[in-house]
Amino acid sequence: MLGDKKTGSVIIKWEKPTAVKPTSIRFSPSIIEKAKRLAELHKARGYQTWLKQIVEERIKHEEKLLSDFKRELKIASNK
């Protein structure tokens, strides 16, 4: 994030996606157990598949929030 000194607003630049190798995320044993139970409740193929879906959904949600926020800032600055 970059700060805009004139308006005090925050400027966020998204770079083009780059190809990356798959990686792993380490969770505590208690989180894994909870994820296993929730994946079963949601009838997912497995907890890793369910976690991947949850993370992807959250990222899309955050991107939409950011896009909406930027649009609202632009509208507000044009008034």
N, C-alpha and C. Protein backbone atom coordinates (compact mmCIF):
# COMPACT_ATOMS: atom_id res chain seq x y z
N MET A 1 0.84 -1.17 0.00
CA MET A 1 0.00 0.00 0.00
C MET A 1 0.89 1.23 0.00
N LEU A 2 0.44 2.21 -0.72
CA LEU A 2 1.15 3.46 -0.77
C LEU A 2 0.25 4.55 -0.22
N GLY A 3 0.80 5.46 0.53
CA GLY A 3 0.00 6.56 1.06
C GLY A 3 0.03 7.73 0.10
N ASP A 4 -1.09 8.37 -0.09
CA ASP A 4 -1.18 9.56 -0.91
C ASP A 4 -1.12 10.76 0.02
N LYS A 5 -0.03 11.52 -0.03
CA LYS A 5 0.18 12.62 0.91
C LYS A 5 -0.83 13.74 0.72
N LYS A 6 -1.29 13.97 -0.51
CA LYS A 6 -2.21 15.08 -0.76
C LYS A 6 -3.58 14.83 -0.14
N THR A 7 -4.13 13.64 -0.31
CA THR A 7 -5.48 13.37 0.17
C THR A 7 -5.49 12.50 1.42
N GLY A 8 -4.38 11.89 1.74
CA GLY A 8 -4.32 11.00 2.90
C GLY A 8 -4.94 9.65 2.63
N SER A 9 -5.38 9.41 1.39
CA SER A 9 -6.01 8.13 1.07
C SER A 9 -4.94 7.08 0.83
N VAL A 10 -5.37 5.85 0.76
CA VAL A 10 -4.47 4.74 0.54
C VAL A 10 -4.60 4.29 -0.91
N ILE A 11 -3.46 4.13 -1.57
CA ILE A 11 -3.44 3.65 -2.94
C ILE A 11 -2.88 2.23 -2.93
N ILE A 12 -3.63 1.31 -3.52
CA ILE A 12 -3.21 -0.08 -3.55
C ILE A 12 -3.06 -0.49 -5.00
N LYS A 13 -1.88 -0.97 -5.35
CA LYS A 13 -1.62 -1.41 -6.72
C LYS A 13 -1.57 -2.93 -6.76
N TRP A 14 -2.35 -3.52 -7.65
CA TRP A 14 -2.32 -4.96 -7.86
C TRP A 14 -1.43 -5.21 -9.06
N GLU A 15 -0.51 -6.10 -8.90
CA GLU A 15 0.34 -6.49 -10.01
C GLU A 15 -0.30 -7.64 -10.75
N LYS A 16 0.15 -7.84 -11.99
CA LYS A 16 -0.35 -8.97 -12.76
C LYS A 16 0.03 -10.26 -12.05
N PRO A 17 -0.89 -11.25 -12.04
CA PRO A 17 -0.56 -12.53 -11.41
C PRO A 17 0.62 -13.19 -12.10
N THR A 18 1.42 -13.85 -11.33
CA THR A 18 2.54 -14.59 -11.88
C THR A 18 2.37 -16.06 -11.57
N ALA A 19 2.95 -16.89 -12.41
CA ALA A 19 2.87 -18.34 -12.17
C ALA A 19 3.77 -18.68 -10.98
N VAL A 20 3.22 -19.42 -10.05
CA VAL A 20 3.99 -19.84 -8.88
C VAL A 20 3.83 -21.34 -8.70
N LYS A 21 4.80 -21.93 -8.08
CA LYS A 21 4.72 -23.35 -7.77
C LYS A 21 3.76 -23.54 -6.59
N PRO A 22 3.01 -24.63 -6.59
CA PRO A 22 2.15 -24.90 -5.44
C PRO A 22 2.99 -24.95 -4.17
N THR A 23 2.41 -24.50 -3.10
CA THR A 23 3.11 -24.49 -1.83
C THR A 23 2.20 -25.05 -0.75
N SER A 24 2.73 -25.20 0.41
CA SER A 24 1.91 -25.72 1.50
C SER A 24 1.78 -24.66 2.58
N ILE A 25 0.71 -24.77 3.31
CA ILE A 25 0.46 -23.89 4.45
C ILE A 25 0.38 -24.79 5.68
N ARG A 26 1.09 -24.43 6.70
CA ARG A 26 1.07 -25.24 7.93
C ARG A 26 0.03 -24.70 8.90
N PHE A 27 -0.82 -25.61 9.39
CA PHE A 27 -1.82 -25.28 10.39
C PHE A 27 -1.55 -26.09 11.64
N SER A 28 -2.04 -25.58 12.73
CA SER A 28 -1.88 -26.32 13.99
C SER A 28 -2.74 -27.58 13.94
N PRO A 29 -2.39 -28.59 14.73
CA PRO A 29 -3.20 -29.81 14.75
C PRO A 29 -4.66 -29.56 15.11
N SER A 30 -4.92 -28.60 16.00
CA SER A 30 -6.32 -28.33 16.37
C SER A 30 -7.11 -27.75 15.20
N ILE A 31 -6.47 -26.88 14.40
CA ILE A 31 -7.15 -26.32 13.23
C ILE A 31 -7.41 -27.40 12.19
N ILE A 32 -6.46 -28.31 12.03
CA ILE A 32 -6.65 -29.40 11.07
C ILE A 32 -7.81 -30.29 11.50
N GLU A 33 -7.91 -30.58 12.78
CA GLU A 33 -9.02 -31.40 13.27
C GLU A 33 -10.36 -30.71 13.04
N LYS A 34 -10.41 -29.41 13.28
CA LYS A 34 -11.64 -28.64 13.04
C LYS A 34 -11.98 -28.64 11.56
N ALA A 35 -10.96 -28.46 10.72
CA ALA A 35 -11.18 -28.46 9.27
C ALA A 35 -11.69 -29.82 8.80
N LYS A 36 -11.17 -30.89 9.37
CA LYS A 36 -11.64 -32.23 9.00
C LYS A 36 -13.12 -32.39 9.33
N ARG A 37 -13.51 -31.94 10.52
CA ARG A 37 -14.92 -32.05 10.92
C ARG A 37 -15.81 -31.21 10.01
N LEU A 38 -15.37 -29.98 9.73
CA LEU A 38 -16.18 -29.09 8.88
C LEU A 38 -16.24 -29.61 7.45
N ALA A 39 -15.16 -30.14 6.94
CA ALA A 39 -15.16 -30.70 5.59
C ALA A 39 -16.14 -31.86 5.50
N GLU A 40 -16.18 -32.66 6.54
CA GLU A 40 -17.13 -33.78 6.57
C GLU A 40 -18.56 -33.27 6.58
N LEU A 41 -18.83 -32.24 7.39
CA LEU A 41 -20.17 -31.66 7.44
C LEU A 41 -20.60 -31.10 6.08
N HIS A 42 -19.64 -30.55 5.36
CA HIS A 42 -19.93 -29.96 4.05
C HIS A 42 -19.82 -30.98 2.92
N LYS A 43 -19.59 -32.22 3.29
CA LYS A 43 -19.49 -33.32 2.34
C LYS A 43 -18.41 -33.07 1.27
N ALA A 44 -17.32 -32.49 1.69
CA ALA A 44 -16.18 -32.26 0.80
C ALA A 44 -15.40 -33.56 0.64
N ARG A 45 -14.62 -33.65 -0.42
CA ARG A 45 -13.83 -34.86 -0.66
C ARG A 45 -12.78 -35.08 0.42
N GLY A 46 -12.32 -34.00 1.00
CA GLY A 46 -11.33 -34.08 2.06
C GLY A 46 -11.11 -32.69 2.64
N TYR A 47 -10.44 -32.64 3.76
CA TYR A 47 -10.28 -31.35 4.41
C TYR A 47 -9.37 -30.41 3.62
N GLN A 48 -8.39 -30.96 2.90
CA GLN A 48 -7.51 -30.09 2.12
C GLN A 48 -8.26 -29.45 0.95
N THR A 49 -9.12 -30.22 0.32
CA THR A 49 -9.96 -29.69 -0.75
C THR A 49 -10.88 -28.60 -0.21
N TRP A 50 -11.48 -28.86 0.94
CA TRP A 50 -12.38 -27.90 1.57
C TRP A 50 -11.63 -26.61 1.94
N LEU A 51 -10.45 -26.75 2.54
CA LEU A 51 -9.66 -25.57 2.91
C LEU A 51 -9.26 -24.76 1.68
N LYS A 52 -8.88 -25.44 0.61
CA LYS A 52 -8.52 -24.75 -0.63
C LYS A 52 -9.71 -23.93 -1.13
N GLN A 53 -10.89 -24.51 -1.11
CA GLN A 53 -12.09 -23.81 -1.56
C GLN A 53 -12.37 -22.59 -0.67
N ILE A 54 -12.23 -22.75 0.63
CA ILE A 54 -12.48 -21.65 1.57
C ILE A 54 -11.50 -20.51 1.32
N VAL A 55 -10.24 -20.83 1.15
CA VAL A 55 -9.22 -19.79 0.92
C VAL A 55 -9.50 -19.07 -0.40
N GLU A 56 -9.81 -19.82 -1.45
CA GLU A 56 -10.09 -19.20 -2.74
C GLU A 56 -11.31 -18.29 -2.66
N GLU A 57 -12.37 -18.73 -1.98
CA GLU A 57 -13.57 -17.90 -1.81
C GLU A 57 -13.25 -16.62 -1.04
N ARG A 58 -12.44 -16.75 0.00
CA ARG A 58 -12.09 -15.58 0.81
C ARG A 58 -11.27 -14.57 0.01
N ILE A 59 -10.35 -15.06 -0.80
CA ILE A 59 -9.54 -14.15 -1.62
C ILE A 59 -10.42 -13.41 -2.63
N LYS A 60 -11.34 -14.12 -3.27
CA LYS A 60 -12.27 -13.46 -4.20
C LYS A 60 -13.10 -12.41 -3.48
N HIS A 61 -13.55 -12.74 -2.29
CA HIS A 61 -14.34 -11.80 -1.48
C HIS A 61 -13.53 -10.55 -1.14
N GLU A 62 -12.30 -10.74 -0.71
CA GLU A 62 -11.43 -9.61 -0.36
C GLU A 62 -11.13 -8.75 -1.58
N GLU A 63 -10.92 -9.38 -2.74
CA GLU A 63 -10.69 -8.61 -3.96
C GLU A 63 -11.90 -7.77 -4.33
N LYS A 64 -13.10 -8.33 -4.16
CA LYS A 64 -14.33 -7.57 -4.44
C LYS A 64 -14.47 -6.41 -3.47
N LEU A 65 -14.21 -6.66 -2.20
CA LEU A 65 -14.29 -5.57 -1.22
C LEU A 65 -13.33 -4.45 -1.58
N LEU A 66 -12.12 -4.80 -1.96
CA LEU A 66 -11.13 -3.80 -2.33
C LEU A 66 -11.58 -3.03 -3.56
N SER A 67 -12.09 -3.73 -4.55
CA SER A 67 -12.56 -3.09 -5.77
C SER A 67 -13.70 -2.13 -5.46
N ASP A 68 -14.66 -2.57 -4.64
CA ASP A 68 -15.78 -1.71 -4.24
C ASP A 68 -15.30 -0.49 -3.49
N PHE A 69 -14.34 -0.68 -2.59
CA PHE A 69 -13.78 0.41 -1.80
C PHE A 69 -13.11 1.44 -2.70
N LYS A 70 -12.32 0.95 -3.66
CA LYS A 70 -11.63 1.86 -4.58
C LYS A 70 -12.64 2.64 -5.43
N ARG A 71 -13.72 1.97 -5.86
CA ARG A 71 -14.75 2.64 -6.64
C ARG A 71 -15.43 3.72 -5.81
N GLU A 72 -15.74 3.40 -4.56
CA GLU A 72 -16.38 4.38 -3.67
C GLU A 72 -15.45 5.57 -3.41
N LEU A 73 -14.16 5.30 -3.25
CA LEU A 73 -13.20 6.40 -3.06
C LEU A 73 -13.16 7.31 -4.28
N LYS A 74 -13.18 6.70 -5.44
CA LYS A 74 -13.15 7.47 -6.68
C LYS A 74 -14.40 8.33 -6.81
N ILE A 75 -15.55 7.77 -6.49
CA ILE A 75 -16.81 8.51 -6.55
C ILE A 75 -16.78 9.66 -5.55
N ALA A 76 -16.31 9.38 -4.33
CA ALA A 76 -16.26 10.41 -3.29
C ALA A 76 -15.28 11.53 -3.66
N SER A 77 -14.18 11.19 -4.32
CA SER A 77 -13.20 12.22 -4.67
C SER A 77 -13.66 13.08 -5.83
N ASN A 78 -14.64 12.60 -6.61
CA ASN A 78 -15.16 13.37 -7.74
C ASN A 78 -16.28 14.31 -7.32
N LYS A 79 -16.72 14.25 -6.09
CA LYS A 79 -17.82 15.12 -5.62
C LYS A 79 -17.33 16.47 -5.23
